Amino acid sequence: MKKLFAVLSVLVAFSVMAFAKEGTKKITDKVVTFEVPQDWEQFEVDGVQWFFYDPAGAEDGFADNFSVSEQKIPKGTKTKDFFTLVLKQLKKTFTKMEIIEQGEDYALYQATSESDGEEFVMIQRIKVIIKGTNSVSIYATSTPEVYADYEETFDEIFNSVKVK
């Protein structure tokens, strides 16, 4: 359990999940609305407004997860420019980061990080959405071994995200 929480804290702004057969739960606040699998659990992470993980996936020592970070930005900020800054910051966070696919507002990459002296490899998907002065960065995170198992779930979560 200690390793799980250590990994989660390293992923301060990152995330993912698998939609439950029982359905989804809708999450909403002043800035964003989205849906996550009904059986995913919320976890508190500093600097992240919303963080949910799949407790079933946590059994192998890593909790596949999804997170949302909200930030106020200057009016008129272009999505492409803001996303470039976010990606630059992320690259500083990891010991190694290899882009698999990238667009103007999204990326899929494999990253290597360290936690408690152990190296950890993850696949992470990020998308930035800007509406007015609200910026929402959404993250889905898994291990390379199971990312494909969560990809459809991540698609559904990402597609459910609405910024107000």
N, C-alpha and C. Protein backbone atom coordinates (compact mmCIF):
# COMPACT_ATOMS: atom_id res chain seq x y z
N MET A 1 0.84 -1.19 0.00
CA MET A 1 0.00 0.00 0.00
C MET A 1 0.88 1.25 0.00
N LYS A 2 2.00 1.19 0.73
CA LYS A 2 2.91 2.33 0.79
C LYS A 2 3.44 2.66 -0.60
N LYS A 3 3.78 1.61 -1.37
CA LYS A 3 4.30 1.81 -2.72
C LYS A 3 3.23 2.47 -3.60
N LEU A 4 1.98 2.05 -3.45
CA LEU A 4 0.88 2.62 -4.23
C LEU A 4 0.78 4.12 -3.98
N PHE A 5 0.78 4.52 -2.72
CA PHE A 5 0.65 5.93 -2.41
C PHE A 5 1.89 6.72 -2.83
N ALA A 6 3.06 6.11 -2.78
CA ALA A 6 4.27 6.78 -3.24
C ALA A 6 4.18 7.05 -4.74
N VAL A 7 3.73 6.06 -5.49
CA VAL A 7 3.58 6.23 -6.93
C VAL A 7 2.53 7.29 -7.23
N LEU A 8 1.41 7.27 -6.50
CA LEU A 8 0.36 8.26 -6.72
C LEU A 8 0.86 9.67 -6.46
N SER A 9 1.66 9.85 -5.42
CA SER A 9 2.16 11.18 -5.12
C SER A 9 3.14 11.66 -6.16
N VAL A 10 3.89 10.75 -6.80
CA VAL A 10 4.80 11.13 -7.89
C VAL A 10 3.99 11.63 -9.07
N LEU A 11 2.81 11.11 -9.23
CA LEU A 11 1.95 11.46 -10.37
C LEU A 11 1.05 12.65 -10.05
N VAL A 12 1.58 13.63 -9.36
CA VAL A 12 0.79 14.76 -8.88
C VAL A 12 -0.19 15.28 -9.92
N ALA A 13 0.22 15.39 -11.15
CA ALA A 13 -0.69 15.95 -12.14
C ALA A 13 -1.07 14.96 -13.21
N PHE A 14 -1.03 13.69 -12.92
CA PHE A 14 -1.24 12.70 -13.96
C PHE A 14 -2.39 11.75 -13.68
N SER A 15 -2.74 10.88 -14.79
CA SER A 15 -3.82 9.98 -14.54
C SER A 15 -4.43 9.04 -15.58
N VAL A 16 -5.91 8.05 -15.10
CA VAL A 16 -6.61 7.05 -15.94
C VAL A 16 -7.69 6.18 -15.27
N MET A 17 -8.38 5.17 -16.05
CA MET A 17 -9.34 4.20 -15.51
C MET A 17 -10.05 3.28 -16.50
N ALA A 18 -10.92 2.31 -16.01
CA ALA A 18 -11.67 1.38 -16.86
C ALA A 18 -13.15 1.47 -16.51
N PHE A 19 -14.00 1.81 -17.47
CA PHE A 19 -15.41 2.03 -17.17
C PHE A 19 -16.05 0.76 -16.62
N ALA A 20 -16.70 0.92 -15.53
CA ALA A 20 -17.33 -0.21 -14.85
C ALA A 20 -18.59 -0.64 -15.57
N LYS A 21 -18.89 -1.90 -15.47
CA LYS A 21 -20.11 -2.43 -16.08
C LYS A 21 -21.34 -1.79 -15.46
N GLU A 22 -21.24 -1.41 -14.19
CA GLU A 22 -22.38 -0.82 -13.51
C GLU A 22 -22.68 0.60 -13.99
N GLY A 23 -21.78 1.21 -14.75
CA GLY A 23 -22.00 2.55 -15.26
C GLY A 23 -20.95 3.53 -14.80
N THR A 24 -21.33 4.78 -14.83
CA THR A 24 -20.39 5.84 -14.51
C THR A 24 -20.97 6.77 -13.45
N LYS A 25 -20.09 7.56 -12.88
CA LYS A 25 -20.55 8.62 -11.99
C LYS A 25 -20.11 9.94 -12.58
N LYS A 26 -20.99 10.93 -12.51
CA LYS A 26 -20.72 12.24 -13.09
C LYS A 26 -20.10 13.13 -12.02
N ILE A 27 -19.00 13.77 -12.40
CA ILE A 27 -18.29 14.68 -11.51
C ILE A 27 -18.40 16.07 -12.12
N THR A 28 -18.74 17.04 -11.28
CA THR A 28 -18.88 18.40 -11.79
C THR A 28 -18.44 19.42 -10.74
N ASP A 29 -17.84 20.49 -11.22
CA ASP A 29 -17.52 21.63 -10.36
C ASP A 29 -17.76 22.90 -11.17
N LYS A 30 -17.24 24.02 -10.73
CA LYS A 30 -17.50 25.30 -11.41
C LYS A 30 -16.86 25.38 -12.79
N VAL A 31 -15.85 24.55 -13.06
CA VAL A 31 -15.09 24.65 -14.31
C VAL A 31 -15.30 23.48 -15.26
N VAL A 32 -15.45 22.28 -14.72
CA VAL A 32 -15.44 21.09 -15.58
C VAL A 32 -16.48 20.06 -15.13
N THR A 33 -16.93 19.27 -16.11
CA THR A 33 -17.81 18.13 -15.87
C THR A 33 -17.22 16.94 -16.63
N PHE A 34 -17.24 15.77 -16.00
CA PHE A 34 -16.76 14.56 -16.68
C PHE A 34 -17.35 13.34 -15.98
N GLU A 35 -17.19 12.19 -16.62
CA GLU A 35 -17.70 10.94 -16.06
C GLU A 35 -16.57 9.95 -15.89
N VAL A 36 -16.61 9.23 -14.78
CA VAL A 36 -15.62 8.18 -14.50
C VAL A 36 -16.36 6.89 -14.19
N PRO A 37 -15.68 5.75 -14.30
CA PRO A 37 -16.33 4.48 -13.97
C PRO A 37 -16.85 4.50 -12.53
N GLN A 38 -17.98 3.90 -12.33
CA GLN A 38 -18.66 3.89 -11.03
C GLN A 38 -17.78 3.33 -9.91
N ASP A 39 -16.95 2.34 -10.24
CA ASP A 39 -16.16 1.69 -9.18
C ASP A 39 -14.78 2.32 -8.97
N TRP A 40 -14.45 3.37 -9.68
CA TRP A 40 -13.18 4.04 -9.47
C TRP A 40 -13.27 4.89 -8.21
N GLU A 41 -12.15 4.96 -7.50
CA GLU A 41 -12.12 5.68 -6.23
C GLU A 41 -11.35 6.99 -6.36
N GLN A 42 -11.79 7.96 -5.58
CA GLN A 42 -11.13 9.27 -5.58
C GLN A 42 -9.98 9.25 -4.57
N PHE A 43 -8.93 9.97 -4.91
CA PHE A 43 -7.76 10.07 -4.04
C PHE A 43 -7.32 11.52 -4.03
N GLU A 44 -6.93 12.03 -2.88
CA GLU A 44 -6.48 13.42 -2.76
C GLU A 44 -5.02 13.53 -3.15
N VAL A 45 -4.72 14.42 -4.10
CA VAL A 45 -3.36 14.68 -4.55
C VAL A 45 -3.16 16.19 -4.59
N ASP A 46 -2.13 16.68 -3.92
CA ASP A 46 -1.86 18.12 -3.92
C ASP A 46 -1.71 18.65 -5.34
N GLY A 47 -2.35 19.78 -5.62
CA GLY A 47 -2.21 20.43 -6.92
C GLY A 47 -3.11 19.86 -8.00
N VAL A 48 -3.89 18.86 -7.67
CA VAL A 48 -4.78 18.22 -8.65
C VAL A 48 -6.20 18.34 -8.12
N GLN A 49 -7.10 18.91 -8.93
CA GLN A 49 -8.48 19.07 -8.47
C GLN A 49 -9.20 17.73 -8.36
N TRP A 50 -8.99 16.84 -9.33
CA TRP A 50 -9.68 15.56 -9.35
C TRP A 50 -8.69 14.46 -9.69
N PHE A 51 -8.70 13.38 -8.92
CA PHE A 51 -7.84 12.23 -9.17
C PHE A 51 -8.63 10.98 -8.84
N PHE A 52 -8.82 10.13 -9.82
CA PHE A 52 -9.54 8.88 -9.64
C PHE A 52 -8.67 7.73 -10.12
N TYR A 53 -8.78 6.59 -9.44
CA TYR A 53 -7.99 5.43 -9.84
C TYR A 53 -8.85 4.16 -9.78
N ASP A 54 -8.39 3.17 -10.52
CA ASP A 54 -9.06 1.88 -10.56
C ASP A 54 -8.51 1.01 -9.44
N PRO A 55 -9.30 0.76 -8.39
CA PRO A 55 -8.78 -0.06 -7.29
C PRO A 55 -8.44 -1.48 -7.71
N ALA A 56 -9.11 -2.01 -8.72
CA ALA A 56 -8.80 -3.36 -9.20
C ALA A 56 -7.40 -3.39 -9.80
N GLY A 57 -7.02 -2.35 -10.51
CA GLY A 57 -5.69 -2.28 -11.11
C GLY A 57 -4.59 -2.04 -10.10
N ALA A 58 -4.94 -1.52 -8.94
CA ALA A 58 -3.94 -1.19 -7.91
C ALA A 58 -3.33 -2.43 -7.28
N GLU A 59 -3.92 -3.58 -7.50
CA GLU A 59 -3.43 -4.82 -6.89
C GLU A 59 -2.01 -5.18 -7.34
N ASP A 60 -1.60 -4.69 -8.53
CA ASP A 60 -0.26 -5.02 -9.02
C ASP A 60 0.78 -3.97 -8.59
N GLY A 61 0.40 -3.05 -7.69
CA GLY A 61 1.35 -2.05 -7.20
C GLY A 61 1.24 -0.71 -7.87
N PHE A 62 0.44 -0.61 -8.94
CA PHE A 62 0.22 0.67 -9.60
C PHE A 62 -1.26 0.85 -9.85
N ALA A 63 -1.77 2.02 -9.52
CA ALA A 63 -3.19 2.30 -9.74
C ALA A 63 -3.37 3.07 -11.04
N ASP A 64 -3.93 2.40 -12.04
CA ASP A 64 -4.24 3.07 -13.30
C ASP A 64 -5.20 4.18 -12.97
N ASN A 65 -4.99 5.38 -13.56
CA ASN A 65 -5.72 6.54 -13.05
C ASN A 65 -6.03 7.60 -14.09
N PHE A 66 -6.85 8.55 -13.66
CA PHE A 66 -7.28 9.70 -14.47
C PHE A 66 -7.29 10.91 -13.55
N SER A 67 -6.76 12.03 -14.04
CA SER A 67 -6.78 13.23 -13.20
C SER A 67 -7.10 14.47 -14.02
N VAL A 68 -7.53 15.48 -13.31
CA VAL A 68 -7.89 16.76 -13.91
C VAL A 68 -7.23 17.87 -13.08
N SER A 69 -6.51 18.74 -13.78
CA SER A 69 -5.93 19.93 -13.15
C SER A 69 -6.54 21.16 -13.81
N GLU A 70 -7.02 22.06 -12.99
CA GLU A 70 -7.64 23.29 -13.49
C GLU A 70 -6.72 24.46 -13.17
N GLN A 71 -6.68 25.43 -14.09
CA GLN A 71 -5.82 26.59 -13.88
C GLN A 71 -6.41 27.79 -14.59
N LYS A 72 -6.36 28.94 -13.93
CA LYS A 72 -6.75 30.20 -14.57
C LYS A 72 -5.59 30.67 -15.43
N ILE A 73 -5.89 31.15 -16.63
CA ILE A 73 -4.85 31.63 -17.54
C ILE A 73 -5.30 32.98 -18.12
N PRO A 74 -4.36 33.74 -18.67
CA PRO A 74 -4.74 35.03 -19.26
C PRO A 74 -5.70 34.84 -20.44
N LYS A 75 -6.66 35.73 -20.56
CA LYS A 75 -7.61 35.70 -21.67
C LYS A 75 -6.85 35.80 -22.98
N GLY A 76 -7.26 35.01 -23.96
CA GLY A 76 -6.62 35.05 -25.26
C GLY A 76 -5.46 34.07 -25.42
N THR A 77 -5.15 33.33 -24.35
CA THR A 77 -4.08 32.34 -24.45
C THR A 77 -4.48 31.27 -25.47
N LYS A 78 -3.59 30.98 -26.39
CA LYS A 78 -3.87 29.98 -27.41
C LYS A 78 -3.58 28.58 -26.85
N THR A 79 -4.45 27.64 -27.18
CA THR A 79 -4.31 26.27 -26.70
C THR A 79 -2.95 25.69 -27.05
N LYS A 80 -2.53 25.85 -28.29
CA LYS A 80 -1.24 25.29 -28.75
C LYS A 80 -0.09 25.84 -27.91
N ASP A 81 -0.08 27.15 -27.64
CA ASP A 81 0.99 27.77 -26.86
C ASP A 81 0.98 27.26 -25.41
N PHE A 82 -0.20 27.18 -24.81
CA PHE A 82 -0.29 26.70 -23.44
C PHE A 82 0.12 25.24 -23.35
N PHE A 83 -0.33 24.43 -24.31
CA PHE A 83 0.03 23.01 -24.31
C PHE A 83 1.54 22.82 -24.44
N THR A 84 2.18 23.64 -25.26
CA THR A 84 3.64 23.57 -25.41
C THR A 84 4.32 23.82 -24.07
N LEU A 85 3.83 24.79 -23.29
CA LEU A 85 4.39 25.07 -21.96
C LEU A 85 4.17 23.90 -21.00
N VAL A 86 2.97 23.32 -21.04
CA VAL A 86 2.67 22.18 -20.17
C VAL A 86 3.60 21.02 -20.49
N LEU A 87 3.79 20.73 -21.77
CA LEU A 87 4.65 19.63 -22.18
C LEU A 87 6.11 19.88 -21.75
N LYS A 88 6.54 21.11 -21.86
CA LYS A 88 7.90 21.48 -21.45
C LYS A 88 8.09 21.22 -19.95
N GLN A 89 7.08 21.58 -19.15
CA GLN A 89 7.13 21.33 -17.70
C GLN A 89 7.14 19.83 -17.40
N LEU A 90 6.33 19.07 -18.11
CA LEU A 90 6.28 17.64 -17.89
C LEU A 90 7.63 16.98 -18.17
N LYS A 91 8.29 17.42 -19.24
CA LYS A 91 9.59 16.85 -19.59
C LYS A 91 10.61 17.04 -18.47
N LYS A 92 10.48 18.11 -17.71
CA LYS A 92 11.38 18.35 -16.58
C LYS A 92 11.08 17.42 -15.40
N THR A 93 9.86 16.90 -15.35
CA THR A 93 9.41 16.05 -14.25
C THR A 93 9.98 14.64 -14.34
N PHE A 94 10.21 14.16 -15.55
CA PHE A 94 10.61 12.77 -15.76
C PHE A 94 12.10 12.65 -16.04
N THR A 95 12.65 11.47 -15.73
CA THR A 95 14.04 11.21 -16.09
C THR A 95 14.16 10.94 -17.58
N LYS A 96 13.10 10.44 -18.17
CA LYS A 96 13.07 10.17 -19.61
C LYS A 96 11.63 10.31 -20.09
N MET A 97 11.44 10.90 -21.28
CA MET A 97 10.09 11.06 -21.83
C MET A 97 10.17 10.93 -23.35
N GLU A 98 9.43 9.96 -23.88
CA GLU A 98 9.42 9.72 -25.33
C GLU A 98 8.00 9.90 -25.86
N ILE A 99 7.82 10.88 -26.76
CA ILE A 99 6.51 11.15 -27.35
C ILE A 99 6.16 10.04 -28.33
N ILE A 100 4.98 9.46 -28.17
CA ILE A 100 4.49 8.43 -29.07
C ILE A 100 3.63 9.06 -30.16
N GLU A 101 2.79 10.01 -29.75
CA GLU A 101 1.90 10.71 -30.67
C GLU A 101 1.62 12.09 -30.08
N GLN A 102 1.53 13.11 -30.96
CA GLN A 102 1.28 14.46 -30.45
C GLN A 102 0.49 15.28 -31.46
N GLY A 103 -0.43 16.12 -30.92
CA GLY A 103 -1.17 17.08 -31.70
C GLY A 103 -1.03 18.45 -31.05
N GLU A 104 -1.83 19.41 -31.46
CA GLU A 104 -1.75 20.77 -30.91
C GLU A 104 -2.19 20.85 -29.46
N ASP A 105 -3.06 19.94 -29.03
CA ASP A 105 -3.60 20.02 -27.67
C ASP A 105 -3.53 18.71 -26.90
N TYR A 106 -2.82 17.72 -27.45
CA TYR A 106 -2.76 16.43 -26.77
C TYR A 106 -1.42 15.74 -27.06
N ALA A 107 -1.10 14.77 -26.22
CA ALA A 107 0.07 13.93 -26.46
C ALA A 107 -0.12 12.59 -25.76
N LEU A 108 0.52 11.60 -26.32
CA LEU A 108 0.62 10.28 -25.72
C LEU A 108 2.11 10.01 -25.62
N TYR A 109 2.59 9.66 -24.45
CA TYR A 109 4.03 9.46 -24.29
C TYR A 109 4.33 8.38 -23.26
N GLN A 110 5.54 7.86 -23.36
CA GLN A 110 6.05 6.95 -22.35
C GLN A 110 7.06 7.72 -21.53
N ALA A 111 6.94 7.63 -20.23
CA ALA A 111 7.82 8.39 -19.34
C ALA A 111 8.40 7.48 -18.27
N THR A 112 9.59 7.84 -17.84
CA THR A 112 10.26 7.12 -16.76
C THR A 112 10.46 8.09 -15.61
N SER A 113 10.14 7.62 -14.43
CA SER A 113 10.25 8.43 -13.22
C SER A 113 10.87 7.57 -12.13
N GLU A 114 11.27 8.21 -11.04
CA GLU A 114 11.80 7.46 -9.90
C GLU A 114 10.98 7.77 -8.66
N SER A 115 10.75 6.74 -7.84
CA SER A 115 10.04 6.89 -6.58
C SER A 115 10.68 5.96 -5.57
N ASP A 116 11.08 6.48 -4.46
CA ASP A 116 11.72 5.69 -3.40
C ASP A 116 12.89 4.87 -3.95
N GLY A 117 13.66 5.46 -4.87
CA GLY A 117 14.83 4.79 -5.43
C GLY A 117 14.52 3.75 -6.49
N GLU A 118 13.24 3.57 -6.83
CA GLU A 118 12.85 2.61 -7.85
C GLU A 118 12.43 3.33 -9.13
N GLU A 119 12.84 2.77 -10.26
CA GLU A 119 12.46 3.34 -11.55
C GLU A 119 11.06 2.85 -11.91
N PHE A 120 10.28 3.74 -12.47
CA PHE A 120 8.90 3.43 -12.82
C PHE A 120 8.63 3.93 -14.23
N VAL A 121 8.08 3.06 -15.09
CA VAL A 121 7.77 3.42 -16.48
C VAL A 121 6.25 3.46 -16.63
N MET A 122 5.76 4.53 -17.26
CA MET A 122 4.32 4.70 -17.44
C MET A 122 4.01 5.18 -18.86
N ILE A 123 2.81 4.93 -19.27
CA ILE A 123 2.27 5.51 -20.49
C ILE A 123 1.27 6.55 -20.02
N GLN A 124 1.38 7.75 -20.54
CA GLN A 124 0.47 8.81 -20.11
C GLN A 124 -0.08 9.55 -21.33
N ARG A 125 -1.34 9.87 -21.21
CA ARG A 125 -2.04 10.64 -22.24
C ARG A 125 -2.48 11.94 -21.59
N ILE A 126 -2.27 13.04 -22.29
CA ILE A 126 -2.67 14.35 -21.77
C ILE A 126 -3.41 15.11 -22.86
N LYS A 127 -4.37 15.90 -22.42
CA LYS A 127 -5.09 16.81 -23.32
C LYS A 127 -5.34 18.09 -22.56
N VAL A 128 -5.18 19.22 -23.25
CA VAL A 128 -5.44 20.52 -22.65
C VAL A 128 -6.66 21.13 -23.36
N ILE A 129 -7.59 21.63 -22.55
CA ILE A 129 -8.78 22.29 -23.07
C ILE A 129 -8.83 23.69 -22.47
N ILE A 130 -9.02 24.70 -23.33
CA ILE A 130 -9.11 26.08 -22.85
C ILE A 130 -10.46 26.65 -23.27
N LYS A 131 -11.11 27.29 -22.30
CA LYS A 131 -12.35 28.01 -22.58
C LYS A 131 -12.30 29.30 -21.77
N GLY A 132 -12.19 30.43 -22.46
CA GLY A 132 -12.06 31.71 -21.78
C GLY A 132 -10.77 31.76 -20.99
N THR A 133 -10.87 31.96 -19.69
CA THR A 133 -9.68 32.01 -18.84
C THR A 133 -9.50 30.71 -18.04
N ASN A 134 -10.27 29.69 -18.40
CA ASN A 134 -10.15 28.39 -17.73
C ASN A 134 -9.33 27.43 -18.59
N SER A 135 -8.32 26.85 -17.98
CA SER A 135 -7.53 25.81 -18.64
C SER A 135 -7.73 24.53 -17.84
N VAL A 136 -8.01 23.45 -18.54
CA VAL A 136 -8.17 22.15 -17.90
C VAL A 136 -7.20 21.19 -18.58
N SER A 137 -6.34 20.58 -17.78
CA SER A 137 -5.43 19.55 -18.28
C SER A 137 -5.92 18.22 -17.75
N ILE A 138 -6.16 17.29 -18.68
CA ILE A 138 -6.64 15.97 -18.27
C ILE A 138 -5.57 14.93 -18.59
N TYR A 139 -5.39 14.01 -17.67
CA TYR A 139 -4.33 13.01 -17.77
C TYR A 139 -4.90 11.61 -17.54
N ALA A 140 -4.40 10.66 -18.29
CA ALA A 140 -4.70 9.26 -18.07
C ALA A 140 -3.36 8.54 -17.98
N THR A 141 -3.18 7.72 -16.98
CA THR A 141 -1.89 7.08 -16.76
C THR A 141 -2.06 5.60 -16.48
N SER A 142 -1.18 4.81 -17.09
CA SER A 142 -1.17 3.38 -16.88
C SER A 142 0.26 2.88 -17.10
N THR A 143 0.45 1.60 -16.94
CA THR A 143 1.75 1.01 -17.24
C THR A 143 1.73 0.52 -18.69
N PRO A 144 2.90 0.38 -19.30
CA PRO A 144 2.94 -0.12 -20.69
C PRO A 144 2.27 -1.49 -20.83
N GLU A 145 2.35 -2.31 -19.79
CA GLU A 145 1.79 -3.66 -19.85
C GLU A 145 0.27 -3.69 -19.96
N VAL A 146 -0.42 -2.70 -19.39
CA VAL A 146 -1.89 -2.74 -19.39
C VAL A 146 -2.55 -1.53 -20.04
N TYR A 147 -1.77 -0.61 -20.61
CA TYR A 147 -2.37 0.59 -21.19
C TYR A 147 -3.47 0.23 -22.21
N ALA A 148 -3.21 -0.73 -23.06
CA ALA A 148 -4.20 -1.11 -24.09
C ALA A 148 -5.52 -1.56 -23.45
N ASP A 149 -5.45 -2.18 -22.27
CA ASP A 149 -6.67 -2.62 -21.58
C ASP A 149 -7.52 -1.43 -21.11
N TYR A 150 -6.89 -0.30 -20.89
CA TYR A 150 -7.58 0.90 -20.38
C TYR A 150 -7.88 1.92 -21.48
N GLU A 151 -7.35 1.73 -22.66
CA GLU A 151 -7.46 2.74 -23.71
C GLU A 151 -8.91 3.12 -24.03
N GLU A 152 -9.79 2.15 -24.14
CA GLU A 152 -11.20 2.46 -24.44
C GLU A 152 -11.84 3.26 -23.29
N THR A 153 -11.51 2.89 -22.08
CA THR A 153 -12.02 3.62 -20.91
C THR A 153 -11.52 5.06 -20.94
N PHE A 154 -10.24 5.22 -21.21
CA PHE A 154 -9.67 6.57 -21.29
C PHE A 154 -10.36 7.39 -22.37
N ASP A 155 -10.61 6.76 -23.52
CA ASP A 155 -11.31 7.46 -24.60
C ASP A 155 -12.67 7.97 -24.11
N GLU A 156 -13.41 7.10 -23.42
CA GLU A 156 -14.73 7.47 -22.94
C GLU A 156 -14.66 8.60 -21.91
N ILE A 157 -13.68 8.53 -21.03
CA ILE A 157 -13.53 9.60 -20.03
C ILE A 157 -13.17 10.90 -20.73
N PHE A 158 -12.15 10.86 -21.58
CA PHE A 158 -11.72 12.07 -22.29
C PHE A 158 -12.88 12.69 -23.07
N ASN A 159 -13.66 11.85 -23.74
CA ASN A 159 -14.80 12.34 -24.52
C ASN A 159 -15.90 12.93 -23.65
N SER A 160 -15.95 12.56 -22.38
CA SER A 160 -16.99 13.07 -21.48
C SER A 160 -16.64 14.43 -20.89
N VAL A 161 -15.38 14.85 -20.99
CA VAL A 161 -14.93 16.10 -20.37
C VAL A 161 -15.53 17.32 -21.07
N LYS A 162 -16.17 18.17 -20.28
CA LYS A 162 -16.74 19.43 -20.79
C LYS A 162 -16.24 20.56 -19.89
N VAL A 163 -15.69 21.59 -20.50
CA VAL A 163 -15.23 22.75 -19.76
C VAL A 163 -16.28 23.85 -19.88
N LYS A 164 -16.62 24.45 -18.75
CA LYS A 164 -17.67 25.47 -18.73
C LYS A 164 -17.12 26.84 -19.08
